[in-house]
């Protein structure tokens, strides 16, 4: 358990590091949960369609391989009915 104010302070410390440190916060309360991810000021999210944000239930995350630049590729499987 971490209060939101403490998480905000920790995220600010991670962003201020050189190089910035990715900050991930997961909170689970019974059957519900939330995830906050801050990958730093240089991270760019590309949204080619401009669709509205969707929510989903993640069923599984698998390692799908490695890119030519050495980055790990992931496949995320969501529940179909959500």
Protein backbone atom coordinates (compact mmCIF):
# COMPACT_ATOMS: atom_id res chain seq x y z
CA UNK A 1 0.00 0.00 0.00
CA UNK A 2 1.30 3.40 -1.01
CA UNK A 3 -0.67 6.62 -0.71
CA UNK A 4 -1.24 8.43 -3.99
CA UNK A 5 0.73 11.46 -2.79
CA UNK A 6 3.73 9.22 -2.04
CA UNK A 7 3.45 7.57 -5.46
CA UNK A 8 3.41 11.00 -7.15
CA UNK A 9 6.59 11.96 -5.25
CA UNK A 10 8.30 8.69 -6.22
CA UNK A 11 7.29 9.17 -9.87
CA UNK A 12 8.80 12.67 -9.81
CA UNK A 13 12.07 11.23 -8.45
CA UNK A 14 12.11 8.61 -11.21
CA UNK A 15 11.55 11.27 -13.90
CA UNK A 16 14.29 13.48 -12.42
CA UNK A 17 16.90 10.69 -12.55
CA UNK A 18 19.50 10.74 -15.30
CA UNK A 19 18.58 8.81 -17.34
CA UNK A 20 14.90 8.76 -16.25
CA UNK A 21 13.69 5.57 -14.59
CA UNK A 22 10.42 3.99 -15.75
CA UNK A 23 7.76 4.11 -13.02
CA UNK A 24 5.07 1.44 -12.77
CA UNK A 25 2.46 1.28 -10.03
CA UNK A 26 -0.04 -1.56 -9.76
CA UNK A 27 -2.83 -1.63 -7.20
CA UNK A 28 -5.08 -4.64 -6.63
CA UNK A 29 -8.22 -4.59 -4.48
CA UNK A 30 -9.90 -7.98 -4.58
CA UNK A 31 -11.08 -8.61 -8.14
CA UNK A 32 -10.32 -5.06 -9.33
CA UNK A 33 -7.04 -3.36 -9.98
CA UNK A 34 -5.32 -0.51 -11.74
CA UNK A 35 -1.95 0.13 -13.34
CA UNK A 36 -0.17 3.45 -13.85
CA UNK A 37 2.87 3.55 -16.15
CA UNK A 38 5.19 6.52 -16.68
CA UNK A 39 7.92 5.63 -19.18
CA UNK A 40 9.55 9.04 -18.97
CA UNK A 41 9.48 12.32 -20.86
CA UNK A 42 11.00 10.88 -24.05
CA UNK A 43 8.32 8.18 -24.47
CA UNK A 44 5.99 8.87 -27.38
CA UNK A 45 2.66 7.12 -27.79
CA UNK A 46 1.69 6.81 -31.44
CA UNK A 47 -2.06 6.66 -32.03
CA UNK A 48 -2.63 6.47 -35.79
CA UNK A 49 -6.42 6.07 -35.57
CA UNK A 50 -7.35 8.58 -32.87
CA UNK A 51 -9.94 6.16 -31.48
CA UNK A 52 -11.37 6.70 -28.01
CA UNK A 53 -9.57 4.98 -25.15
CA UNK A 54 -10.81 1.46 -24.46
CA UNK A 55 -10.54 -0.56 -21.29
CA UNK A 56 -9.90 -4.29 -21.25
CA UNK A 57 -9.20 -7.17 -18.93
CA UNK A 58 -5.73 -8.60 -19.54
CA UNK A 59 -5.80 -12.39 -19.57
CA UNK A 60 -2.17 -13.14 -20.42
CA UNK A 61 1.14 -11.48 -21.38
CA UNK A 62 3.65 -13.52 -23.41
CA UNK A 63 7.16 -12.77 -24.66
CA UNK A 64 6.89 -12.76 -28.46
CA UNK A 65 10.57 -12.38 -29.25
CA UNK A 66 13.19 -9.68 -29.64
CA UNK A 67 13.34 -6.88 -32.17
CA UNK A 68 16.40 -6.15 -34.32
CA UNK A 69 17.36 -3.40 -31.86
CA UNK A 70 17.25 -5.85 -28.93
CA UNK A 71 13.94 -4.74 -27.44
CA UNK A 72 11.67 -7.42 -26.02
CA UNK A 73 8.37 -7.76 -27.90
CA UNK A 74 5.27 -8.73 -25.90
CA UNK A 75 1.90 -10.14 -26.93
CA UNK A 76 -1.00 -9.16 -24.69
CA UNK A 77 -4.14 -11.33 -24.70
CA UNK A 78 -7.34 -9.71 -23.41
CA UNK A 79 -10.64 -11.29 -22.45
CA UNK A 80 -12.83 -11.38 -25.59
CA UNK A 81 -16.09 -10.15 -24.06
CA UNK A 82 -14.66 -6.92 -22.62
